[in-house]
Amino acid sequence: MKQLLTVFVTIFLAELGDKTQLATLLYATDRKLGRWEVFGAATAALALSCLLAVLIGGQLGQWVSPKHLKIAAGIGFIAVGIWTLWRG
């Protein structure tokens, strides 16, 4: 249960204020779209992207050590942050 909670909290916090949440917020402001439909579509899209991440991560983990994957992910996040600041 502790591991499940760790994954939940990490993903929840990572998703707060990101582009996906902002796009969902903007769709929810459209009066032509129902809020539950927006919620359902956004939930399905996030679930599908998470499914792909789990399937790809499961396969990648067989060939690349978790340590190297964490380093690559960290470098990727830093690179995106620098790119975002540079463009802004």
N, C-alpha and C. Protein backbone atom coordinates (compact mmCIF):
# COMPACT_ATOMS: atom_id res chain seq x y z
N MET A 1 0.82 -1.19 0.00
CA MET A 1 0.00 0.00 0.00
C MET A 1 0.87 1.26 0.00
N LYS A 2 2.00 1.21 0.68
CA LYS A 2 2.90 2.37 0.74
C LYS A 2 3.43 2.72 -0.66
N GLN A 3 3.78 1.69 -1.43
CA GLN A 3 4.30 1.93 -2.78
C GLN A 3 3.22 2.53 -3.67
N LEU A 4 2.00 2.04 -3.55
CA LEU A 4 0.88 2.56 -4.34
C LEU A 4 0.64 4.03 -4.00
N LEU A 5 0.67 4.36 -2.73
CA LEU A 5 0.48 5.74 -2.29
C LEU A 5 1.61 6.64 -2.80
N THR A 6 2.83 6.12 -2.79
CA THR A 6 3.98 6.88 -3.30
C THR A 6 3.81 7.21 -4.77
N VAL A 7 3.40 6.21 -5.57
CA VAL A 7 3.18 6.42 -6.99
C VAL A 7 2.05 7.43 -7.19
N PHE A 8 0.95 7.27 -6.45
CA PHE A 8 -0.19 8.17 -6.59
C PHE A 8 0.21 9.62 -6.29
N VAL A 9 0.85 9.84 -5.16
CA VAL A 9 1.21 11.20 -4.75
C VAL A 9 2.20 11.81 -5.74
N THR A 10 3.18 11.03 -6.18
CA THR A 10 4.18 11.53 -7.12
C THR A 10 3.53 11.96 -8.43
N ILE A 11 2.70 11.10 -8.99
CA ILE A 11 2.05 11.42 -10.27
C ILE A 11 1.06 12.57 -10.09
N PHE A 12 0.30 12.56 -9.00
CA PHE A 12 -0.66 13.63 -8.75
C PHE A 12 0.04 14.98 -8.69
N LEU A 13 1.13 15.07 -7.93
CA LEU A 13 1.85 16.33 -7.81
C LEU A 13 2.52 16.74 -9.12
N ALA A 14 3.01 15.77 -9.86
CA ALA A 14 3.65 16.07 -11.15
C ALA A 14 2.64 16.61 -12.15
N GLU A 15 1.40 16.16 -12.06
CA GLU A 15 0.38 16.59 -13.01
C GLU A 15 -0.23 17.94 -12.67
N LEU A 16 -0.11 18.39 -11.43
CA LEU A 16 -0.70 19.67 -11.05
C LEU A 16 -0.07 20.81 -11.83
N GLY A 17 -0.91 21.57 -12.50
CA GLY A 17 -0.44 22.75 -13.21
C GLY A 17 0.32 22.48 -14.50
N ASP A 18 0.33 21.24 -14.97
CA ASP A 18 1.04 20.98 -16.22
C ASP A 18 0.15 21.32 -17.41
N LYS A 19 0.71 21.18 -18.61
CA LYS A 19 -0.03 21.55 -19.82
C LYS A 19 -1.31 20.73 -19.99
N THR A 20 -1.28 19.48 -19.60
CA THR A 20 -2.46 18.63 -19.72
C THR A 20 -3.59 19.16 -18.85
N GLN A 21 -3.27 19.52 -17.63
CA GLN A 21 -4.31 20.03 -16.74
C GLN A 21 -4.84 21.36 -17.24
N LEU A 22 -3.98 22.21 -17.74
CA LEU A 22 -4.42 23.49 -18.27
C LEU A 22 -5.29 23.31 -19.51
N ALA A 23 -4.93 22.37 -20.38
CA ALA A 23 -5.76 22.10 -21.56
C ALA A 23 -7.13 21.58 -21.14
N THR A 24 -7.16 20.69 -20.15
CA THR A 24 -8.43 20.17 -19.64
C THR A 24 -9.27 21.30 -19.06
N LEU A 25 -8.64 22.18 -18.32
CA LEU A 25 -9.34 23.33 -17.74
C LEU A 25 -9.96 24.18 -18.84
N LEU A 26 -9.21 24.43 -19.92
CA LEU A 26 -9.74 25.23 -21.01
C LEU A 26 -10.91 24.54 -21.71
N TYR A 27 -10.82 23.23 -21.92
CA TYR A 27 -11.95 22.50 -22.51
C TYR A 27 -13.18 22.58 -21.62
N ALA A 28 -12.98 22.54 -20.32
CA ALA A 28 -14.10 22.59 -19.38
C ALA A 28 -14.81 23.94 -19.39
N THR A 29 -14.13 24.99 -19.86
CA THR A 29 -14.77 26.30 -19.93
C THR A 29 -15.68 26.44 -21.15
N ASP A 30 -15.54 25.53 -22.12
CA ASP A 30 -16.37 25.58 -23.33
C ASP A 30 -17.78 25.10 -23.01
N ARG A 31 -18.76 25.98 -23.16
CA ARG A 31 -20.14 25.65 -22.81
C ARG A 31 -20.74 24.59 -23.73
N LYS A 32 -20.13 24.38 -24.90
CA LYS A 32 -20.63 23.35 -25.83
C LYS A 32 -20.27 21.94 -25.37
N LEU A 33 -19.28 21.85 -24.51
CA LEU A 33 -18.82 20.55 -24.01
C LEU A 33 -19.32 20.35 -22.58
N GLY A 34 -19.80 19.16 -22.30
CA GLY A 34 -20.21 18.85 -20.94
C GLY A 34 -18.99 18.59 -20.05
N ARG A 35 -19.10 18.99 -18.81
CA ARG A 35 -17.96 18.81 -17.89
C ARG A 35 -17.63 17.34 -17.70
N TRP A 36 -18.65 16.49 -17.60
CA TRP A 36 -18.39 15.07 -17.41
C TRP A 36 -17.76 14.44 -18.65
N GLU A 37 -18.13 14.95 -19.82
CA GLU A 37 -17.52 14.45 -21.05
C GLU A 37 -16.04 14.84 -21.10
N VAL A 38 -15.76 16.09 -20.72
CA VAL A 38 -14.36 16.54 -20.68
C VAL A 38 -13.59 15.69 -19.67
N PHE A 39 -14.17 15.48 -18.49
CA PHE A 39 -13.52 14.67 -17.47
C PHE A 39 -13.27 13.24 -17.99
N GLY A 40 -14.27 12.65 -18.62
CA GLY A 40 -14.13 11.29 -19.14
C GLY A 40 -13.06 11.18 -20.21
N ALA A 41 -13.07 12.14 -21.15
CA ALA A 41 -12.09 12.11 -22.23
C ALA A 41 -10.68 12.34 -21.69
N ALA A 42 -10.53 13.30 -20.77
CA ALA A 42 -9.22 13.58 -20.19
C ALA A 42 -8.72 12.39 -19.38
N THR A 43 -9.62 11.77 -18.64
CA THR A 43 -9.24 10.59 -17.84
C THR A 43 -8.80 9.45 -18.74
N ALA A 44 -9.55 9.21 -19.82
CA ALA A 44 -9.20 8.13 -20.76
C ALA A 44 -7.85 8.41 -21.42
N ALA A 45 -7.62 9.68 -21.81
CA ALA A 45 -6.35 10.03 -22.45
C ALA A 45 -5.18 9.83 -21.50
N LEU A 46 -5.34 10.26 -20.25
CA LEU A 46 -4.27 10.10 -19.27
C LEU A 46 -4.03 8.62 -18.96
N ALA A 47 -5.12 7.85 -18.86
CA ALA A 47 -4.98 6.42 -18.59
C ALA A 47 -4.25 5.73 -19.74
N LEU A 48 -4.57 6.09 -20.98
CA LEU A 48 -3.90 5.47 -22.13
C LEU A 48 -2.43 5.85 -22.17
N SER A 49 -2.12 7.12 -21.91
CA SER A 49 -0.71 7.52 -21.92
C SER A 49 0.06 6.83 -20.79
N CYS A 50 -0.60 6.65 -19.64
CA CYS A 50 0.05 5.92 -18.53
C CYS A 50 0.24 4.45 -18.88
N LEU A 51 -0.74 3.86 -19.55
CA LEU A 51 -0.61 2.46 -19.98
C LEU A 51 0.60 2.31 -20.90
N LEU A 52 0.73 3.21 -21.86
CA LEU A 52 1.88 3.16 -22.76
C LEU A 52 3.19 3.32 -21.99
N ALA A 53 3.21 4.24 -21.03
CA ALA A 53 4.43 4.44 -20.23
C ALA A 53 4.78 3.19 -19.44
N VAL A 54 3.78 2.53 -18.87
CA VAL A 54 4.02 1.32 -18.08
C VAL A 54 4.52 0.19 -19.00
N LEU A 55 3.89 0.02 -20.15
CA LEU A 55 4.31 -1.04 -21.07
C LEU A 55 5.73 -0.80 -21.59
N ILE A 56 6.00 0.43 -22.00
CA ILE A 56 7.34 0.76 -22.50
C ILE A 56 8.36 0.69 -21.37
N GLY A 57 8.01 1.23 -20.20
CA GLY A 57 8.92 1.19 -19.06
C GLY A 57 9.22 -0.23 -18.61
N GLY A 58 8.22 -1.10 -18.67
CA GLY A 58 8.43 -2.50 -18.30
C GLY A 58 9.42 -3.19 -19.23
N GLN A 59 9.33 -2.87 -20.50
CA GLN A 59 10.26 -3.46 -21.47
C GLN A 59 11.64 -2.83 -21.35
N LEU A 60 11.68 -1.52 -21.20
CA LEU A 60 12.95 -0.82 -21.08
C LEU A 60 13.73 -1.28 -19.86
N GLY A 61 12.99 -1.55 -18.78
CA GLY A 61 13.61 -1.99 -17.53
C GLY A 61 14.32 -3.33 -17.64
N GLN A 62 13.98 -4.09 -18.67
CA GLN A 62 14.64 -5.38 -18.88
C GLN A 62 16.01 -5.21 -19.52
N TRP A 63 16.22 -4.09 -20.22
CA TRP A 63 17.47 -3.89 -20.94
C TRP A 63 18.36 -2.80 -20.34
N VAL A 64 17.76 -1.88 -19.64
CA VAL A 64 18.51 -0.75 -19.08
C VAL A 64 18.30 -0.74 -17.57
N SER A 65 19.34 -0.50 -16.82
CA SER A 65 19.22 -0.51 -15.36
C SER A 65 18.37 0.67 -14.89
N PRO A 66 17.61 0.48 -13.81
CA PRO A 66 16.79 1.57 -13.26
C PRO A 66 17.62 2.81 -12.93
N LYS A 67 18.86 2.61 -12.49
CA LYS A 67 19.74 3.75 -12.17
C LYS A 67 19.97 4.60 -13.41
N HIS A 68 20.26 3.97 -14.53
CA HIS A 68 20.51 4.71 -15.76
C HIS A 68 19.23 5.38 -16.27
N LEU A 69 18.09 4.72 -16.10
CA LEU A 69 16.82 5.32 -16.51
C LEU A 69 16.51 6.56 -15.68
N LYS A 70 16.79 6.50 -14.36
CA LYS A 70 16.55 7.66 -13.50
C LYS A 70 17.47 8.81 -13.89
N ILE A 71 18.71 8.51 -14.21
CA ILE A 71 19.64 9.55 -14.63
C ILE A 71 19.16 10.18 -15.94
N ALA A 72 18.76 9.35 -16.89
CA ALA A 72 18.27 9.86 -18.18
C ALA A 72 17.02 10.71 -17.99
N ALA A 73 16.10 10.26 -17.12
CA ALA A 73 14.89 11.04 -16.86
C ALA A 73 15.23 12.37 -16.20
N GLY A 74 16.15 12.36 -15.25
CA GLY A 74 16.57 13.60 -14.60
C GLY A 74 17.19 14.58 -15.58
N ILE A 75 18.06 14.08 -16.44
CA ILE A 75 18.67 14.93 -17.46
C ILE A 75 17.60 15.48 -18.40
N GLY A 76 16.64 14.63 -18.74
CA GLY A 76 15.54 15.07 -19.61
C GLY A 76 14.72 16.18 -18.99
N PHE A 77 14.39 16.03 -17.70
CA PHE A 77 13.62 17.07 -17.01
C PHE A 77 14.40 18.38 -16.93
N ILE A 78 15.68 18.28 -16.63
CA ILE A 78 16.52 19.48 -16.56
C ILE A 78 16.60 20.14 -17.93
N ALA A 79 16.77 19.35 -18.97
CA ALA A 79 16.85 19.89 -20.34
C ALA A 79 15.55 20.61 -20.72
N VAL A 80 14.41 20.02 -20.39
CA VAL A 80 13.12 20.66 -20.68
C VAL A 80 12.99 21.96 -19.90
N GLY A 81 13.41 21.96 -18.64
CA GLY A 81 13.37 23.17 -17.82
C GLY A 81 14.23 24.28 -18.40
N ILE A 82 15.44 23.93 -18.81
CA ILE A 82 16.35 24.93 -19.41
C ILE A 82 15.76 25.44 -20.72
N TRP A 83 15.24 24.55 -21.53
CA TRP A 83 14.63 24.94 -22.81
C TRP A 83 13.44 25.87 -22.57
N THR A 84 12.61 25.56 -21.57
CA THR A 84 11.45 26.40 -21.24
C THR A 84 11.90 27.78 -20.79
N LEU A 85 12.90 27.83 -19.93
CA LEU A 85 13.41 29.13 -19.48
C LEU A 85 14.05 29.92 -20.61
N TRP A 86 14.77 29.25 -21.46
CA TRP A 86 15.46 29.89 -22.58
C TRP A 86 14.47 30.50 -23.57
N ARG A 87 13.37 29.75 -23.83
CA ARG A 87 12.34 30.24 -24.76
C ARG A 87 11.52 31.37 -24.16
N GLY A 88 11.38 31.38 -22.81
CA GLY A 88 10.51 32.35 -22.14
C GLY A 88 11.16 33.68 -22.06
